[in-house]
Amino acid sequence: MSKKIFVNLAVKDLNKSVAFFTKLGYTFNQQFTDETATCMVVSEEIYFMLLTEDKFKSFTKKQIADTSKSNEAMLAMSADSKEEVDSMVNNAIAAGATEPHEAQDLGFMYSRIFYDLDGHHWEYFWMDPTAIQG
């Protein structure tokens, strides 16, 4: 059986976050959705649980990171092409995200970063498959 990953993120306004990520093309599993949380489906193995801050706090004794001052994580997502990277980040910006700097093009790898509505750091990247062959 393949392993699955569930990344939990605190969000200030669950409805706004769902609207934001819907604009990026993501869907949500209604079986794991209520007024305090939702399950964003990335693939059959990758899910993001978007949790209201109160719900998130119920799982930890630590404080929630202030994403205006620090990163709690850098969430890197692969893409099939440079065009897909640009499309995802441009859609995110159109939906309210901010882009902290220009694209990074290393020839064999292309990436762009955005901060979502809650300041979470997302990176979309494409890597030339011939550059990673052994």
N, C-alpha and C. Protein backbone atom coordinates (compact mmCIF):
# COMPACT_ATOMS: atom_id res chain seq x y z
N MET A 1 0.84 -1.18 0.00
CA MET A 1 0.00 0.00 0.00
C MET A 1 0.89 1.24 0.00
N SER A 2 0.57 2.19 -0.85
CA SER A 2 1.37 3.41 -0.91
C SER A 2 1.10 4.29 0.31
N LYS A 3 2.09 5.05 0.70
CA LYS A 3 1.97 5.98 1.81
C LYS A 3 1.25 7.23 1.35
N LYS A 4 0.53 7.85 2.24
CA LYS A 4 -0.15 9.10 1.96
C LYS A 4 0.40 10.17 2.90
N ILE A 5 0.33 11.41 2.46
CA ILE A 5 0.76 12.51 3.31
C ILE A 5 -0.41 13.46 3.50
N PHE A 6 -0.61 13.88 4.73
CA PHE A 6 -1.61 14.87 5.09
C PHE A 6 -0.87 16.03 5.76
N VAL A 7 -0.82 17.16 5.09
CA VAL A 7 -0.18 18.36 5.62
C VAL A 7 -1.28 19.21 6.25
N ASN A 8 -1.10 19.59 7.50
CA ASN A 8 -2.09 20.39 8.20
C ASN A 8 -1.64 21.85 8.21
N LEU A 9 -2.53 22.75 7.77
CA LEU A 9 -2.24 24.18 7.74
C LEU A 9 -3.33 24.95 8.47
N ALA A 10 -2.92 25.89 9.31
CA ALA A 10 -3.87 26.77 9.98
C ALA A 10 -4.26 27.88 9.02
N VAL A 11 -5.56 28.18 8.96
CA VAL A 11 -6.05 29.27 8.11
C VAL A 11 -6.95 30.18 8.95
N LYS A 12 -6.91 31.46 8.61
CA LYS A 12 -7.71 32.43 9.34
C LYS A 12 -9.19 32.37 8.94
N ASP A 13 -9.47 32.18 7.66
CA ASP A 13 -10.85 32.15 7.16
C ASP A 13 -10.97 30.95 6.22
N LEU A 14 -11.60 29.91 6.70
CA LEU A 14 -11.69 28.66 5.95
C LEU A 14 -12.39 28.86 4.61
N ASN A 15 -13.48 29.60 4.59
CA ASN A 15 -14.22 29.80 3.34
C ASN A 15 -13.37 30.52 2.29
N LYS A 16 -12.63 31.54 2.71
CA LYS A 16 -11.76 32.27 1.78
C LYS A 16 -10.65 31.36 1.26
N SER A 17 -10.11 30.52 2.13
CA SER A 17 -9.05 29.59 1.71
C SER A 17 -9.58 28.57 0.71
N VAL A 18 -10.77 28.05 0.95
CA VAL A 18 -11.37 27.10 0.01
C VAL A 18 -11.60 27.79 -1.34
N ALA A 19 -12.11 29.00 -1.33
CA ALA A 19 -12.33 29.74 -2.58
C ALA A 19 -11.00 29.96 -3.31
N PHE A 20 -9.96 30.34 -2.56
CA PHE A 20 -8.64 30.57 -3.14
C PHE A 20 -8.12 29.31 -3.83
N PHE A 21 -8.08 28.19 -3.12
CA PHE A 21 -7.51 26.98 -3.69
C PHE A 21 -8.40 26.37 -4.76
N THR A 22 -9.70 26.62 -4.71
CA THR A 22 -10.59 26.19 -5.80
C THR A 22 -10.20 26.90 -7.09
N LYS A 23 -9.83 28.18 -6.99
CA LYS A 23 -9.40 28.94 -8.17
C LYS A 23 -8.10 28.38 -8.76
N LEU A 24 -7.34 27.67 -7.96
CA LEU A 24 -6.11 27.04 -8.44
C LEU A 24 -6.39 25.64 -9.01
N GLY A 25 -7.64 25.21 -8.96
CA GLY A 25 -8.03 23.93 -9.55
C GLY A 25 -8.10 22.76 -8.59
N TYR A 26 -7.92 23.00 -7.30
CA TYR A 26 -7.98 21.90 -6.33
C TYR A 26 -9.42 21.59 -5.95
N THR A 27 -9.65 20.34 -5.55
CA THR A 27 -10.96 19.91 -5.09
C THR A 27 -10.85 19.54 -3.61
N PHE A 28 -12.00 19.30 -2.99
CA PHE A 28 -12.06 19.04 -1.56
C PHE A 28 -12.91 17.82 -1.28
N ASN A 29 -12.43 17.00 -0.36
CA ASN A 29 -13.15 15.79 0.05
C ASN A 29 -14.19 16.19 1.10
N GLN A 30 -15.45 16.17 0.71
CA GLN A 30 -16.53 16.61 1.61
C GLN A 30 -16.69 15.69 2.82
N GLN A 31 -16.21 14.47 2.73
CA GLN A 31 -16.29 13.54 3.86
C GLN A 31 -15.48 14.05 5.05
N PHE A 32 -14.44 14.85 4.78
CA PHE A 32 -13.57 15.37 5.83
C PHE A 32 -13.67 16.89 5.91
N THR A 33 -14.86 17.41 5.70
CA THR A 33 -15.08 18.85 5.69
C THR A 33 -16.23 19.21 6.62
N ASP A 34 -15.99 20.23 7.43
CA ASP A 34 -17.06 20.83 8.22
C ASP A 34 -16.72 22.31 8.37
N GLU A 35 -17.33 22.99 9.32
CA GLU A 35 -17.09 24.43 9.47
C GLU A 35 -15.72 24.75 10.06
N THR A 36 -14.96 23.74 10.50
CA THR A 36 -13.65 23.98 11.11
C THR A 36 -12.48 23.44 10.30
N ALA A 37 -12.78 22.63 9.27
CA ALA A 37 -11.71 21.98 8.52
C ALA A 37 -12.20 21.51 7.16
N THR A 38 -11.24 21.34 6.25
CA THR A 38 -11.53 20.72 4.96
C THR A 38 -10.29 19.98 4.49
N CYS A 39 -10.53 19.01 3.64
CA CYS A 39 -9.45 18.19 3.09
C CYS A 39 -9.26 18.54 1.62
N MET A 40 -8.17 19.24 1.30
CA MET A 40 -7.86 19.60 -0.07
C MET A 40 -7.10 18.45 -0.73
N VAL A 41 -7.61 17.99 -1.86
CA VAL A 41 -7.03 16.85 -2.56
C VAL A 41 -6.04 17.35 -3.60
N VAL A 42 -4.78 16.92 -3.47
CA VAL A 42 -3.75 17.24 -4.45
C VAL A 42 -3.57 16.06 -5.40
N SER A 43 -3.53 14.86 -4.84
CA SER A 43 -3.42 13.62 -5.61
C SER A 43 -3.96 12.48 -4.75
N GLU A 44 -3.84 11.26 -5.25
CA GLU A 44 -4.30 10.12 -4.47
C GLU A 44 -3.45 9.88 -3.23
N GLU A 45 -2.28 10.51 -3.16
CA GLU A 45 -1.38 10.32 -2.03
C GLU A 45 -1.15 11.59 -1.22
N ILE A 46 -1.54 12.75 -1.73
CA ILE A 46 -1.21 14.02 -1.07
C ILE A 46 -2.48 14.81 -0.78
N TYR A 47 -2.60 15.22 0.49
CA TYR A 47 -3.77 15.98 0.94
C TYR A 47 -3.30 17.11 1.86
N PHE A 48 -4.01 18.22 1.80
CA PHE A 48 -3.77 19.32 2.73
C PHE A 48 -5.02 19.52 3.55
N MET A 49 -4.87 19.42 4.86
CA MET A 49 -5.97 19.71 5.76
C MET A 49 -5.89 21.19 6.11
N LEU A 50 -6.88 21.94 5.68
CA LEU A 50 -6.96 23.36 6.02
C LEU A 50 -7.84 23.45 7.25
N LEU A 51 -7.25 23.92 8.34
CA LEU A 51 -7.92 23.94 9.64
C LEU A 51 -8.05 25.37 10.14
N THR A 52 -9.21 25.71 10.69
CA THR A 52 -9.31 27.01 11.34
C THR A 52 -8.26 27.07 12.44
N GLU A 53 -7.87 28.26 12.81
CA GLU A 53 -6.82 28.38 13.84
C GLU A 53 -7.24 27.69 15.14
N ASP A 54 -8.49 27.82 15.54
CA ASP A 54 -8.94 27.15 16.77
C ASP A 54 -8.84 25.63 16.64
N LYS A 55 -9.22 25.09 15.50
CA LYS A 55 -9.13 23.64 15.29
C LYS A 55 -7.66 23.20 15.29
N PHE A 56 -6.81 23.97 14.61
CA PHE A 56 -5.38 23.66 14.55
C PHE A 56 -4.79 23.63 15.96
N LYS A 57 -5.15 24.62 16.78
CA LYS A 57 -4.64 24.71 18.16
C LYS A 57 -5.02 23.50 19.00
N SER A 58 -6.11 22.83 18.64
CA SER A 58 -6.54 21.66 19.42
C SER A 58 -5.61 20.47 19.24
N PHE A 59 -4.71 20.53 18.25
CA PHE A 59 -3.78 19.43 17.98
C PHE A 59 -2.37 19.68 18.49
N THR A 60 -2.11 20.85 19.02
CA THR A 60 -0.74 21.17 19.45
C THR A 60 -0.75 22.11 20.64
N LYS A 61 0.31 22.05 21.42
CA LYS A 61 0.48 22.99 22.53
C LYS A 61 1.35 24.17 22.12
N LYS A 62 1.95 24.08 20.93
CA LYS A 62 2.79 25.17 20.44
C LYS A 62 1.93 26.26 19.80
N GLN A 63 2.49 27.44 19.71
CA GLN A 63 1.80 28.53 19.07
C GLN A 63 1.83 28.35 17.55
N ILE A 64 0.83 28.88 16.89
CA ILE A 64 0.80 28.88 15.44
C ILE A 64 1.81 29.90 14.95
N ALA A 65 2.58 29.53 13.93
CA ALA A 65 3.59 30.44 13.38
C ALA A 65 2.92 31.69 12.81
N ASP A 66 3.53 32.83 13.08
CA ASP A 66 3.08 34.09 12.49
C ASP A 66 3.74 34.18 11.12
N THR A 67 3.00 33.83 10.07
CA THR A 67 3.58 33.74 8.74
C THR A 67 3.92 35.10 8.14
N SER A 68 3.56 36.19 8.82
CA SER A 68 4.01 37.50 8.34
C SER A 68 5.45 37.76 8.77
N LYS A 69 5.95 36.94 9.72
CA LYS A 69 7.30 37.12 10.24
C LYS A 69 8.22 35.92 10.03
N SER A 70 7.64 34.74 9.83
CA SER A 70 8.46 33.54 9.69
C SER A 70 7.73 32.50 8.85
N ASN A 71 8.50 31.54 8.34
CA ASN A 71 7.93 30.40 7.60
C ASN A 71 7.80 29.23 8.55
N GLU A 72 6.66 28.56 8.52
CA GLU A 72 6.53 27.34 9.29
C GLU A 72 6.95 26.16 8.44
N ALA A 73 6.92 26.35 7.10
CA ALA A 73 7.34 25.33 6.14
C ALA A 73 7.40 25.96 4.77
N MET A 74 8.09 25.31 3.85
CA MET A 74 8.07 25.69 2.44
C MET A 74 7.45 24.51 1.70
N LEU A 75 6.30 24.71 1.13
CA LEU A 75 5.53 23.65 0.51
C LEU A 75 5.85 23.63 -0.98
N ALA A 76 6.62 22.65 -1.42
CA ALA A 76 7.08 22.57 -2.81
C ALA A 76 6.26 21.53 -3.56
N MET A 77 5.73 21.96 -4.70
CA MET A 77 4.89 21.09 -5.51
C MET A 77 5.49 20.99 -6.91
N SER A 78 5.63 19.80 -7.44
CA SER A 78 6.19 19.64 -8.78
C SER A 78 5.13 19.92 -9.83
N ALA A 79 5.61 20.32 -11.00
CA ALA A 79 4.75 20.59 -12.15
C ALA A 79 5.33 19.86 -13.35
N ASP A 80 4.51 19.64 -14.37
CA ASP A 80 4.94 18.91 -15.56
C ASP A 80 5.67 19.78 -16.58
N SER A 81 5.61 21.12 -16.40
CA SER A 81 6.24 22.01 -17.37
C SER A 81 6.43 23.40 -16.76
N LYS A 82 7.26 24.20 -17.39
CA LYS A 82 7.41 25.60 -16.97
C LYS A 82 6.08 26.32 -17.10
N GLU A 83 5.34 26.00 -18.16
CA GLU A 83 4.04 26.64 -18.39
C GLU A 83 3.06 26.33 -17.26
N GLU A 84 3.10 25.11 -16.75
CA GLU A 84 2.22 24.75 -15.64
C GLU A 84 2.62 25.53 -14.39
N VAL A 85 3.91 25.69 -14.16
CA VAL A 85 4.38 26.51 -13.03
C VAL A 85 3.81 27.91 -13.15
N ASP A 86 3.99 28.52 -14.32
CA ASP A 86 3.50 29.88 -14.53
C ASP A 86 1.98 29.96 -14.36
N SER A 87 1.27 29.00 -14.89
CA SER A 87 -0.19 29.00 -14.78
C SER A 87 -0.64 28.94 -13.33
N MET A 88 -0.06 28.02 -12.55
CA MET A 88 -0.46 27.88 -11.14
C MET A 88 -0.17 29.15 -10.36
N VAL A 89 1.02 29.71 -10.53
CA VAL A 89 1.39 30.90 -9.76
C VAL A 89 0.59 32.11 -10.24
N ASN A 90 0.39 32.25 -11.54
CA ASN A 90 -0.42 33.36 -12.04
C ASN A 90 -1.86 33.27 -11.53
N ASN A 91 -2.41 32.06 -11.48
CA ASN A 91 -3.76 31.87 -10.93
C ASN A 91 -3.80 32.23 -9.45
N ALA A 92 -2.76 31.85 -8.73
CA ALA A 92 -2.69 32.17 -7.30
C ALA A 92 -2.65 33.68 -7.09
N ILE A 93 -1.85 34.37 -7.88
CA ILE A 93 -1.75 35.83 -7.76
C ILE A 93 -3.10 36.47 -8.09
N ALA A 94 -3.75 35.99 -9.14
CA ALA A 94 -5.07 36.52 -9.51
C ALA A 94 -6.10 36.30 -8.41
N ALA A 95 -5.90 35.23 -7.61
CA ALA A 95 -6.82 34.92 -6.52
C ALA A 95 -6.46 35.60 -5.21
N GLY A 96 -5.38 36.40 -5.21
CA GLY A 96 -5.03 37.15 -4.00
C GLY A 96 -3.70 36.84 -3.37
N ALA A 97 -2.94 35.90 -3.93
CA ALA A 97 -1.62 35.57 -3.38
C ALA A 97 -0.62 36.67 -3.74
N THR A 98 0.52 36.64 -3.05
CA THR A 98 1.60 37.56 -3.39
C THR A 98 2.82 36.74 -3.80
N GLU A 99 3.60 37.33 -4.72
CA GLU A 99 4.82 36.67 -5.19
C GLU A 99 6.01 37.48 -4.69
N PRO A 100 6.85 36.88 -3.82
CA PRO A 100 7.92 37.64 -3.18
C PRO A 100 9.09 38.01 -4.10
N HIS A 101 9.28 37.27 -5.17
CA HIS A 101 10.37 37.59 -6.11
C HIS A 101 10.08 36.92 -7.44
N GLU A 102 10.88 37.26 -8.44
CA GLU A 102 10.69 36.73 -9.78
C GLU A 102 11.03 35.24 -9.84
N ALA A 103 10.63 34.63 -10.94
CA ALA A 103 10.92 33.22 -11.18
C ALA A 103 12.42 32.96 -11.13
N GLN A 104 12.78 31.75 -10.74
CA GLN A 104 14.17 31.33 -10.74
C GLN A 104 14.32 30.28 -11.85
N ASP A 105 15.14 30.58 -12.83
CA ASP A 105 15.35 29.66 -13.95
C ASP A 105 16.81 29.24 -13.98
N LEU A 106 17.07 27.99 -13.61
CA LEU A 106 18.43 27.46 -13.58
C LEU A 106 18.73 26.61 -14.80
N GLY A 107 17.84 26.66 -15.78
CA GLY A 107 18.01 25.84 -16.98
C GLY A 107 17.41 24.46 -16.79
N PHE A 108 17.96 23.68 -15.88
CA PHE A 108 17.43 22.34 -15.60
C PHE A 108 16.25 22.36 -14.63
N MET A 109 16.06 23.54 -13.96
CA MET A 109 14.96 23.67 -13.01
C MET A 109 14.40 25.08 -13.09
N TYR A 110 13.07 25.17 -13.01
CA TYR A 110 12.37 26.45 -13.07
C TYR A 110 11.39 26.48 -11.91
N SER A 111 11.39 27.58 -11.15
CA SER A 111 10.49 27.63 -10.00
C SER A 111 9.97 29.05 -9.77
N ARG A 112 8.80 29.09 -9.15
CA ARG A 112 8.20 30.35 -8.71
C ARG A 112 7.55 30.10 -7.36
N ILE A 113 7.51 31.16 -6.57
CA ILE A 113 6.99 31.09 -5.21
C ILE A 113 5.82 32.05 -5.07
N PHE A 114 4.85 31.66 -4.23
CA PHE A 114 3.82 32.61 -3.81
C PHE A 114 3.48 32.37 -2.35
N TYR A 115 2.95 33.40 -1.72
CA TYR A 115 2.41 33.28 -0.38
C TYR A 115 0.89 33.32 -0.51
N ASP A 116 0.22 32.33 0.07
CA ASP A 116 -1.24 32.27 -0.02
C ASP A 116 -1.88 33.31 0.91
N LEU A 117 -3.18 33.28 1.04
CA LEU A 117 -3.91 34.29 1.82
C LEU A 117 -3.48 34.32 3.28
N ASP A 118 -2.96 33.20 3.78
CA ASP A 118 -2.52 33.12 5.18
C ASP A 118 -1.01 33.23 5.31
N GLY A 119 -0.33 33.54 4.24
CA GLY A 119 1.12 33.72 4.28
C GLY A 119 1.92 32.43 4.18
N HIS A 120 1.27 31.30 3.88
CA HIS A 120 2.00 30.04 3.72
C HIS A 120 2.82 30.11 2.43
N HIS A 121 4.02 29.59 2.49
CA HIS A 121 5.01 29.64 1.40
C HIS A 121 4.82 28.44 0.48
N TRP A 122 4.41 28.69 -0.76
CA TRP A 122 4.22 27.64 -1.75
C TRP A 122 5.21 27.84 -2.88
N GLU A 123 5.84 26.76 -3.31
CA GLU A 123 6.74 26.81 -4.46
C GLU A 123 6.29 25.77 -5.48
N TYR A 124 6.12 26.20 -6.70
CA TYR A 124 5.84 25.28 -7.79
C TYR A 124 7.09 25.23 -8.65
N PHE A 125 7.51 24.02 -9.02
CA PHE A 125 8.76 23.88 -9.78
C PHE A 125 8.63 22.80 -10.84
N TRP A 126 9.41 22.99 -11.89
CA TRP A 126 9.58 22.00 -12.94
C TRP A 126 11.06 21.67 -13.01
N MET A 127 11.36 20.39 -13.15
CA MET A 127 12.74 19.97 -13.29
C MET A 127 12.86 19.11 -14.55
N ASP A 128 13.85 19.39 -15.36
CA ASP A 128 14.11 18.64 -16.58
C ASP A 128 14.40 17.20 -16.20
N PRO A 129 13.58 16.25 -16.64
CA PRO A 129 13.78 14.85 -16.24
C PRO A 129 15.14 14.29 -16.67
N THR A 130 15.71 14.81 -17.76
CA THR A 130 17.03 14.31 -18.18
C THR A 130 18.13 14.77 -17.23
N ALA A 131 17.88 15.84 -16.48
CA ALA A 131 18.88 16.34 -15.55
C ALA A 131 18.94 15.51 -14.27
N ILE A 132 17.91 14.71 -14.01
CA ILE A 132 17.88 13.94 -12.77
C ILE A 132 18.09 12.45 -12.99
N GLN A 133 18.35 12.04 -14.23
CA GLN A 133 18.62 10.64 -14.49
C GLN A 133 20.04 10.29 -14.03
N GLY A 134 20.19 9.10 -13.51
CA GLY A 134 21.46 8.65 -12.96
C GLY A 134 22.49 8.24 -13.92
